[in-house]
Amino acid sequence: HGPQKGGADKALGRSRGGLTTKIHLLTNELGLPLDFLITGGQVNDCTQAIELLGQHKAEAVRADKGYDVDAILEHVEAMGAKAVIPSKRNRKVQREYDKDLYKQRNRIERCFSKLKCFRRFATRYEKSKACFKALVALACAWICLQLYVDTA
């Protein structure tokens, strides 16, 4: 196989920790995965948010300060959703946000914790982006299917 043009298949990106990948994840209000993107580890989270939100519908979008970007806030407003994103410290006009709703943001962290139970996910054995993306999709599907499987 020849080299990929434009680096479209690159699963690894260079960051301070070395060669890494980053999973940008969107969950529902229950913390179940809805959609994800995979990029190199050096890619900033907020650069993927609008693409990830896409045409999804929501009453509120909860995210941390890293997503306090005007373009994201405008996109969330255009969706008809409420932005529950704290303002960055350097923002001249601090925005108000619902602190009770923000407490539910930990659901995405819980989803990542469930994903890390998959050994191949946690250790990132797959070298190609396509294989790793397939593994993440499979792990996300498994998490959602557990709602319907009686394990007792």
N, C-alpha and C. Protein backbone atom coordinates (compact mmCIF):
# COMPACT_ATOMS: atom_id res chain seq x y z
N HIS A 1 0.83 -1.19 0.00
CA HIS A 1 0.00 0.00 0.00
C HIS A 1 0.88 1.24 0.00
N GLY A 2 0.49 2.22 -0.80
CA GLY A 2 1.24 3.47 -0.88
C GLY A 2 0.83 4.43 0.21
N PRO A 3 1.52 5.53 0.33
CA PRO A 3 1.18 6.52 1.36
C PRO A 3 -0.17 7.16 1.08
N GLN A 4 -0.87 7.49 2.13
CA GLN A 4 -2.18 8.14 2.02
C GLN A 4 -2.00 9.62 1.77
N LYS A 5 -2.71 10.16 0.81
CA LYS A 5 -2.62 11.59 0.56
C LYS A 5 -3.40 12.36 1.61
N GLY A 6 -2.82 13.45 2.08
CA GLY A 6 -3.49 14.30 3.04
C GLY A 6 -3.55 13.72 4.44
N GLY A 7 -2.95 12.58 4.66
CA GLY A 7 -2.93 11.99 6.00
C GLY A 7 -4.31 11.54 6.47
N ALA A 8 -5.19 11.17 5.54
CA ALA A 8 -6.56 10.83 5.89
C ALA A 8 -6.66 9.60 6.79
N ASP A 9 -5.68 8.71 6.72
CA ASP A 9 -5.76 7.49 7.50
C ASP A 9 -4.88 7.54 8.75
N LYS A 10 -4.32 8.67 9.05
CA LYS A 10 -3.43 8.76 10.21
C LYS A 10 -4.22 8.60 11.50
N ALA A 11 -3.89 7.58 12.26
CA ALA A 11 -4.56 7.35 13.52
C ALA A 11 -3.80 8.00 14.67
N LEU A 12 -2.51 8.25 14.43
CA LEU A 12 -1.69 8.78 15.49
C LEU A 12 -1.32 10.23 15.20
N GLY A 13 -1.35 11.03 16.22
CA GLY A 13 -0.93 12.42 16.10
C GLY A 13 0.08 12.71 17.20
N ARG A 14 0.91 13.69 16.99
CA ARG A 14 1.94 14.02 17.96
C ARG A 14 1.40 15.04 18.94
N SER A 15 1.56 14.75 20.22
CA SER A 15 1.21 15.68 21.28
C SER A 15 2.34 15.65 22.31
N ARG A 16 2.17 16.35 23.41
CA ARG A 16 3.23 16.40 24.42
C ARG A 16 3.57 15.02 24.97
N GLY A 17 2.57 14.12 24.99
CA GLY A 17 2.79 12.78 25.54
C GLY A 17 3.36 11.81 24.53
N GLY A 18 3.57 12.23 23.29
CA GLY A 18 4.07 11.33 22.26
C GLY A 18 3.02 11.13 21.19
N LEU A 19 3.03 9.96 20.55
CA LEU A 19 2.06 9.65 19.51
C LEU A 19 0.77 9.18 20.15
N THR A 20 -0.33 9.88 19.87
CA THR A 20 -1.60 9.55 20.50
C THR A 20 -2.76 9.77 19.54
N THR A 21 -3.92 9.28 19.93
CA THR A 21 -5.17 9.57 19.24
C THR A 21 -6.11 10.22 20.24
N LYS A 22 -7.09 10.90 19.71
CA LYS A 22 -8.09 11.53 20.57
C LYS A 22 -9.47 11.16 20.06
N ILE A 23 -10.34 10.79 20.99
CA ILE A 23 -11.72 10.47 20.65
C ILE A 23 -12.59 11.62 21.12
N HIS A 24 -13.32 12.20 20.19
CA HIS A 24 -14.26 13.28 20.49
C HIS A 24 -15.63 12.60 20.52
N LEU A 25 -16.30 12.64 21.67
CA LEU A 25 -17.50 11.84 21.89
C LEU A 25 -18.70 12.71 22.21
N LEU A 26 -19.84 12.33 21.66
CA LEU A 26 -21.12 12.98 21.94
C LEU A 26 -22.02 11.95 22.59
N THR A 27 -22.59 12.30 23.75
CA THR A 27 -23.49 11.38 24.44
C THR A 27 -24.86 12.01 24.61
N ASN A 28 -25.84 11.18 24.92
CA ASN A 28 -27.18 11.70 25.21
C ASN A 28 -27.29 12.04 26.70
N GLU A 29 -28.49 12.39 27.13
CA GLU A 29 -28.68 12.81 28.53
C GLU A 29 -28.47 11.68 29.52
N LEU A 30 -28.47 10.43 29.05
CA LEU A 30 -28.22 9.29 29.92
C LEU A 30 -26.74 8.90 29.95
N GLY A 31 -25.94 9.56 29.14
CA GLY A 31 -24.52 9.23 29.06
C GLY A 31 -24.22 8.10 28.09
N LEU A 32 -25.17 7.80 27.20
CA LEU A 32 -24.94 6.77 26.19
C LEU A 32 -24.36 7.41 24.93
N PRO A 33 -23.40 6.76 24.30
CA PRO A 33 -22.75 7.35 23.13
C PRO A 33 -23.71 7.52 21.95
N LEU A 34 -23.64 8.69 21.32
CA LEU A 34 -24.44 8.97 20.13
C LEU A 34 -23.58 9.03 18.87
N ASP A 35 -22.42 9.65 18.98
CA ASP A 35 -21.55 9.85 17.83
C ASP A 35 -20.13 10.12 18.33
N PHE A 36 -19.15 9.91 17.47
CA PHE A 36 -17.77 10.18 17.84
C PHE A 36 -16.95 10.49 16.60
N LEU A 37 -15.83 11.15 16.83
CA LEU A 37 -14.83 11.41 15.80
C LEU A 37 -13.48 11.03 16.38
N ILE A 38 -12.57 10.61 15.51
CA ILE A 38 -11.22 10.26 15.95
C ILE A 38 -10.23 11.16 15.22
N THR A 39 -9.35 11.78 15.98
CA THR A 39 -8.33 12.65 15.41
C THR A 39 -6.98 12.34 16.05
N GLY A 40 -5.96 12.98 15.56
CA GLY A 40 -4.65 12.87 16.20
C GLY A 40 -4.69 13.55 17.55
N GLY A 41 -3.80 13.17 18.44
CA GLY A 41 -3.80 13.67 19.81
C GLY A 41 -3.55 15.16 19.94
N GLN A 42 -2.98 15.79 18.92
CA GLN A 42 -2.66 17.22 19.01
C GLN A 42 -3.87 18.10 18.66
N VAL A 43 -4.96 17.53 18.18
CA VAL A 43 -6.12 18.31 17.75
C VAL A 43 -6.91 18.79 18.96
N ASN A 44 -7.22 20.07 18.98
CA ASN A 44 -7.98 20.67 20.07
C ASN A 44 -9.43 20.19 20.04
N ASP A 45 -10.00 19.92 21.20
CA ASP A 45 -11.37 19.42 21.28
C ASP A 45 -12.38 20.33 20.61
N CYS A 46 -12.25 21.63 20.84
CA CYS A 46 -13.28 22.56 20.36
C CYS A 46 -13.34 22.64 18.83
N THR A 47 -12.29 22.20 18.14
CA THR A 47 -12.30 22.26 16.68
C THR A 47 -13.22 21.21 16.07
N GLN A 48 -13.60 20.21 16.84
CA GLN A 48 -14.43 19.12 16.33
C GLN A 48 -15.88 19.21 16.79
N ALA A 49 -16.18 20.13 17.69
CA ALA A 49 -17.50 20.17 18.33
C ALA A 49 -18.64 20.42 17.34
N ILE A 50 -18.50 21.37 16.45
CA ILE A 50 -19.59 21.70 15.53
C ILE A 50 -19.87 20.53 14.61
N GLU A 51 -18.82 19.89 14.10
CA GLU A 51 -19.03 18.72 13.24
C GLU A 51 -19.69 17.59 14.01
N LEU A 52 -19.30 17.41 15.25
CA LEU A 52 -19.85 16.34 16.08
C LEU A 52 -21.32 16.60 16.43
N LEU A 53 -21.63 17.84 16.76
CA LEU A 53 -23.02 18.19 17.07
C LEU A 53 -23.90 18.05 15.83
N GLY A 54 -23.35 18.45 14.67
CA GLY A 54 -24.04 18.29 13.39
C GLY A 54 -25.50 18.67 13.45
N GLN A 55 -26.35 17.75 13.04
CA GLN A 55 -27.79 17.98 13.00
C GLN A 55 -28.52 17.36 14.19
N HIS A 56 -27.78 16.97 15.22
CA HIS A 56 -28.43 16.38 16.40
C HIS A 56 -29.32 17.43 17.06
N LYS A 57 -30.38 16.97 17.69
CA LYS A 57 -31.30 17.83 18.41
C LYS A 57 -31.08 17.64 19.91
N ALA A 58 -31.15 18.75 20.64
CA ALA A 58 -30.95 18.67 22.08
C ALA A 58 -31.64 19.86 22.74
N GLU A 59 -32.00 19.68 24.01
CA GLU A 59 -32.52 20.80 24.80
C GLU A 59 -31.37 21.60 25.39
N ALA A 60 -30.28 20.89 25.72
CA ALA A 60 -29.12 21.55 26.31
C ALA A 60 -27.86 20.82 25.86
N VAL A 61 -26.79 21.59 25.69
CA VAL A 61 -25.48 21.04 25.36
C VAL A 61 -24.55 21.38 26.52
N ARG A 62 -24.06 20.32 27.20
CA ARG A 62 -23.17 20.50 28.35
C ARG A 62 -21.74 20.22 27.91
N ALA A 63 -20.87 21.15 28.24
CA ALA A 63 -19.46 20.97 27.89
C ALA A 63 -18.61 21.79 28.85
N ASP A 64 -17.31 21.48 28.90
CA ASP A 64 -16.43 22.21 29.81
C ASP A 64 -15.94 23.51 29.17
N LYS A 65 -15.12 24.23 29.90
CA LYS A 65 -14.65 25.55 29.47
C LYS A 65 -13.91 25.53 28.14
N GLY A 66 -13.33 24.41 27.79
CA GLY A 66 -12.61 24.30 26.54
C GLY A 66 -13.49 24.53 25.31
N TYR A 67 -14.79 24.42 25.49
CA TYR A 67 -15.73 24.59 24.39
C TYR A 67 -16.37 25.98 24.39
N ASP A 68 -15.88 26.87 25.22
CA ASP A 68 -16.40 28.24 25.28
C ASP A 68 -15.80 29.05 24.12
N VAL A 69 -16.35 28.79 22.94
CA VAL A 69 -15.93 29.44 21.70
C VAL A 69 -17.18 30.01 21.05
N ASP A 70 -17.11 31.22 20.55
CA ASP A 70 -18.28 31.88 19.97
C ASP A 70 -18.95 31.03 18.89
N ALA A 71 -18.17 30.41 18.02
CA ALA A 71 -18.75 29.61 16.93
C ALA A 71 -19.57 28.44 17.49
N ILE A 72 -19.09 27.81 18.53
CA ILE A 72 -19.82 26.69 19.14
C ILE A 72 -21.09 27.19 19.80
N LEU A 73 -20.98 28.30 20.55
CA LEU A 73 -22.15 28.86 21.22
C LEU A 73 -23.22 29.26 20.20
N GLU A 74 -22.80 29.83 19.07
CA GLU A 74 -23.75 30.21 18.02
C GLU A 74 -24.41 28.97 17.41
N HIS A 75 -23.63 27.91 17.21
CA HIS A 75 -24.17 26.66 16.65
C HIS A 75 -25.20 26.05 17.60
N VAL A 76 -24.89 26.04 18.89
CA VAL A 76 -25.81 25.48 19.88
C VAL A 76 -27.10 26.30 19.90
N GLU A 77 -26.97 27.61 19.84
CA GLU A 77 -28.15 28.48 19.81
C GLU A 77 -28.97 28.23 18.55
N ALA A 78 -28.31 28.04 17.41
CA ALA A 78 -29.01 27.77 16.15
C ALA A 78 -29.74 26.43 16.21
N MET A 79 -29.23 25.50 17.01
CA MET A 79 -29.90 24.20 17.20
C MET A 79 -31.17 24.35 18.03
N GLY A 80 -31.31 25.49 18.69
CA GLY A 80 -32.44 25.69 19.60
C GLY A 80 -32.17 25.10 20.97
N ALA A 81 -30.90 24.90 21.28
CA ALA A 81 -30.52 24.31 22.56
C ALA A 81 -29.92 25.37 23.48
N LYS A 82 -29.86 25.01 24.74
CA LYS A 82 -29.26 25.88 25.75
C LYS A 82 -27.80 25.47 25.94
N ALA A 83 -26.89 26.43 25.87
CA ALA A 83 -25.47 26.14 26.06
C ALA A 83 -25.15 26.17 27.55
N VAL A 84 -24.78 25.02 28.09
CA VAL A 84 -24.40 24.90 29.49
C VAL A 84 -22.88 24.73 29.51
N ILE A 85 -22.21 25.84 29.21
CA ILE A 85 -20.76 25.85 29.08
C ILE A 85 -20.23 27.03 29.90
N PRO A 86 -19.43 26.77 30.92
CA PRO A 86 -18.88 27.89 31.69
C PRO A 86 -17.95 28.74 30.82
N SER A 87 -17.86 30.01 31.15
CA SER A 87 -16.99 30.92 30.42
C SER A 87 -15.54 30.68 30.79
N LYS A 88 -14.66 30.85 29.81
CA LYS A 88 -13.24 30.81 30.10
C LYS A 88 -12.89 31.99 30.98
N ARG A 89 -11.85 31.85 31.72
CA ARG A 89 -11.43 32.91 32.65
C ARG A 89 -11.08 34.19 31.91
N ASN A 90 -10.54 34.09 30.70
CA ASN A 90 -10.10 35.27 29.97
C ASN A 90 -11.20 35.94 29.14
N ARG A 91 -12.43 35.41 29.19
CA ARG A 91 -13.54 36.04 28.46
C ARG A 91 -13.90 37.34 29.15
N LYS A 92 -13.99 38.42 28.38
CA LYS A 92 -14.24 39.74 28.96
C LYS A 92 -15.61 39.83 29.63
N VAL A 93 -16.63 39.27 28.97
CA VAL A 93 -17.97 39.26 29.56
C VAL A 93 -18.29 37.81 29.92
N GLN A 94 -18.31 37.53 31.21
CA GLN A 94 -18.61 36.17 31.68
C GLN A 94 -20.10 35.88 31.47
N ARG A 95 -20.38 34.71 30.86
CA ARG A 95 -21.77 34.32 30.61
C ARG A 95 -22.31 33.52 31.81
N GLU A 96 -23.59 33.62 32.02
CA GLU A 96 -24.25 32.81 33.04
C GLU A 96 -24.55 31.43 32.45
N TYR A 97 -24.55 30.41 33.28
CA TYR A 97 -24.91 29.06 32.85
C TYR A 97 -25.58 28.35 34.02
N ASP A 98 -26.37 27.35 33.72
CA ASP A 98 -27.11 26.60 34.73
C ASP A 98 -26.17 25.62 35.43
N LYS A 99 -25.80 25.93 36.66
CA LYS A 99 -24.83 25.11 37.39
C LYS A 99 -25.38 23.73 37.72
N ASP A 100 -26.69 23.61 37.93
CA ASP A 100 -27.28 22.30 38.21
C ASP A 100 -27.21 21.40 36.98
N LEU A 101 -27.50 21.96 35.80
CA LEU A 101 -27.38 21.18 34.57
C LEU A 101 -25.93 20.82 34.29
N TYR A 102 -25.01 21.71 34.62
CA TYR A 102 -23.60 21.47 34.36
C TYR A 102 -23.08 20.29 35.16
N LYS A 103 -23.66 20.04 36.33
CA LYS A 103 -23.24 18.91 37.16
C LYS A 103 -23.45 17.57 36.44
N GLN A 104 -24.34 17.55 35.46
CA GLN A 104 -24.62 16.31 34.72
C GLN A 104 -23.57 16.04 33.64
N ARG A 105 -22.62 16.96 33.46
CA ARG A 105 -21.59 16.78 32.45
C ARG A 105 -20.72 15.56 32.73
N ASN A 106 -20.70 15.12 33.97
CA ASN A 106 -19.87 13.96 34.30
C ASN A 106 -20.34 12.69 33.59
N ARG A 107 -21.52 12.72 33.01
CA ARG A 107 -22.03 11.53 32.31
C ARG A 107 -21.14 11.16 31.13
N ILE A 108 -20.55 12.14 30.49
CA ILE A 108 -19.63 11.81 29.39
C ILE A 108 -18.37 11.16 29.94
N GLU A 109 -17.92 11.60 31.11
CA GLU A 109 -16.75 10.98 31.74
C GLU A 109 -17.06 9.54 32.11
N ARG A 110 -18.28 9.29 32.57
CA ARG A 110 -18.68 7.92 32.90
C ARG A 110 -18.72 7.04 31.66
N CYS A 111 -19.14 7.64 30.52
CA CYS A 111 -19.17 6.89 29.27
C CYS A 111 -17.75 6.50 28.86
N PHE A 112 -16.80 7.43 28.98
CA PHE A 112 -15.41 7.11 28.67
C PHE A 112 -14.90 6.01 29.60
N SER A 113 -15.31 6.06 30.86
CA SER A 113 -14.90 5.03 31.81
C SER A 113 -15.41 3.66 31.38
N LYS A 114 -16.63 3.59 30.88
CA LYS A 114 -17.18 2.32 30.38
C LYS A 114 -16.42 1.86 29.14
N LEU A 115 -16.07 2.80 28.28
CA LEU A 115 -15.32 2.44 27.07
C LEU A 115 -13.94 1.89 27.43
N LYS A 116 -13.33 2.41 28.47
CA LYS A 116 -11.99 1.97 28.86
C LYS A 116 -11.98 0.56 29.45
N CYS A 117 -13.17 0.02 29.72
CA CYS A 117 -13.25 -1.37 30.17
C CYS A 117 -12.90 -2.33 29.03
N PHE A 118 -12.97 -1.86 27.80
CA PHE A 118 -12.58 -2.65 26.64
C PHE A 118 -11.06 -2.52 26.50
N ARG A 119 -10.37 -3.63 26.72
CA ARG A 119 -8.91 -3.59 26.76
C ARG A 119 -8.30 -3.03 25.47
N ARG A 120 -8.82 -3.44 24.32
CA ARG A 120 -8.27 -2.97 23.05
C ARG A 120 -8.48 -1.47 22.90
N PHE A 121 -9.55 -0.95 23.49
CA PHE A 121 -9.80 0.49 23.46
C PHE A 121 -8.79 1.22 24.34
N ALA A 122 -8.63 0.74 25.55
CA ALA A 122 -7.77 1.41 26.52
C ALA A 122 -6.30 1.39 26.10
N THR A 123 -5.86 0.31 25.47
CA THR A 123 -4.45 0.20 25.09
C THR A 123 -4.19 0.59 23.65
N ARG A 124 -5.22 0.79 22.87
CA ARG A 124 -5.12 1.23 21.48
C ARG A 124 -4.20 0.33 20.66
N TYR A 125 -4.56 -0.96 20.58
CA TYR A 125 -3.78 -1.91 19.80
C TYR A 125 -3.82 -1.60 18.31
N GLU A 126 -4.97 -1.12 17.82
CA GLU A 126 -5.13 -0.90 16.39
C GLU A 126 -4.21 0.22 15.91
N LYS A 127 -3.58 0.00 14.79
CA LYS A 127 -2.64 0.99 14.25
C LYS A 127 -3.30 1.89 13.20
N SER A 128 -4.30 1.40 12.49
CA SER A 128 -4.94 2.22 11.46
C SER A 128 -6.18 2.91 12.03
N LYS A 129 -6.47 4.06 11.48
CA LYS A 129 -7.64 4.83 11.93
C LYS A 129 -8.93 4.05 11.68
N ALA A 130 -9.01 3.37 10.54
CA ALA A 130 -10.23 2.62 10.20
C ALA A 130 -10.50 1.51 11.22
N CYS A 131 -9.45 0.78 11.60
CA CYS A 131 -9.62 -0.31 12.56
C CYS A 131 -9.98 0.23 13.94
N PHE A 132 -9.32 1.31 14.34
CA PHE A 132 -9.61 1.88 15.66
C PHE A 132 -11.02 2.45 15.69
N LYS A 133 -11.44 3.10 14.60
CA LYS A 133 -12.80 3.65 14.52
C LYS A 133 -13.84 2.53 14.62
N ALA A 134 -13.56 1.39 13.96
CA ALA A 134 -14.47 0.25 14.04
C ALA A 134 -14.55 -0.29 15.46
N LEU A 135 -13.42 -0.35 16.15
CA LEU A 135 -13.41 -0.82 17.53
C LEU A 135 -14.22 0.11 18.43
N VAL A 136 -14.04 1.42 18.27
CA VAL A 136 -14.79 2.39 19.09
C VAL A 136 -16.29 2.25 18.81
N ALA A 137 -16.66 2.09 17.54
CA ALA A 137 -18.07 1.92 17.19
C ALA A 137 -18.64 0.65 17.83
N LEU A 138 -17.87 -0.42 17.81
CA LEU A 138 -18.30 -1.68 18.42
C LEU A 138 -18.47 -1.53 19.93
N ALA A 139 -17.52 -0.86 20.57
CA ALA A 139 -17.61 -0.65 22.02
C ALA A 139 -18.81 0.23 22.37
N CYS A 140 -19.06 1.28 21.59
CA CYS A 140 -20.22 2.15 21.83
C CYS A 140 -21.52 1.37 21.66
N ALA A 141 -21.57 0.53 20.62
CA ALA A 141 -22.77 -0.29 20.40
C ALA A 141 -23.00 -1.24 21.57
N TRP A 142 -21.93 -1.83 22.08
CA TRP A 142 -22.04 -2.75 23.21
C TRP A 142 -22.61 -2.04 24.44
N ILE A 143 -22.13 -0.84 24.70
CA ILE A 143 -22.64 -0.07 25.85
C ILE A 143 -24.14 0.18 25.70
N CYS A 144 -24.57 0.53 24.50
CA CYS A 144 -26.00 0.79 24.27
C CYS A 144 -26.81 -0.49 24.36
N LEU A 145 -26.27 -1.59 23.87
CA LEU A 145 -27.00 -2.86 23.89
C LEU A 145 -27.17 -3.42 25.29
N GLN A 146 -26.30 -3.05 26.20
CA GLN A 146 -26.41 -3.55 27.57
C GLN A 146 -27.72 -3.14 28.24
N LEU A 147 -28.37 -2.10 27.71
CA LEU A 147 -29.66 -1.69 28.25
C LEU A 147 -30.73 -2.75 27.98
N TYR A 148 -30.52 -3.54 26.93
CA TYR A 148 -31.54 -4.49 26.49
C TYR A 148 -31.20 -5.93 26.80
N VAL A 149 -30.03 -6.18 27.36
CA VAL A 149 -29.59 -7.54 27.64
C VAL A 149 -29.74 -7.80 29.12
N ASP A 150 -30.41 -8.92 29.45
CA ASP A 150 -30.57 -9.31 30.85
C ASP A 150 -29.38 -10.18 31.23
N THR A 151 -28.52 -9.65 32.10
CA THR A 151 -27.33 -10.39 32.49
C THR A 151 -27.50 -11.12 33.82
N ALA A 152 -28.69 -11.10 34.37
CA ALA A 152 -28.93 -11.74 35.68
C ALA A 152 -29.03 -13.24 35.56
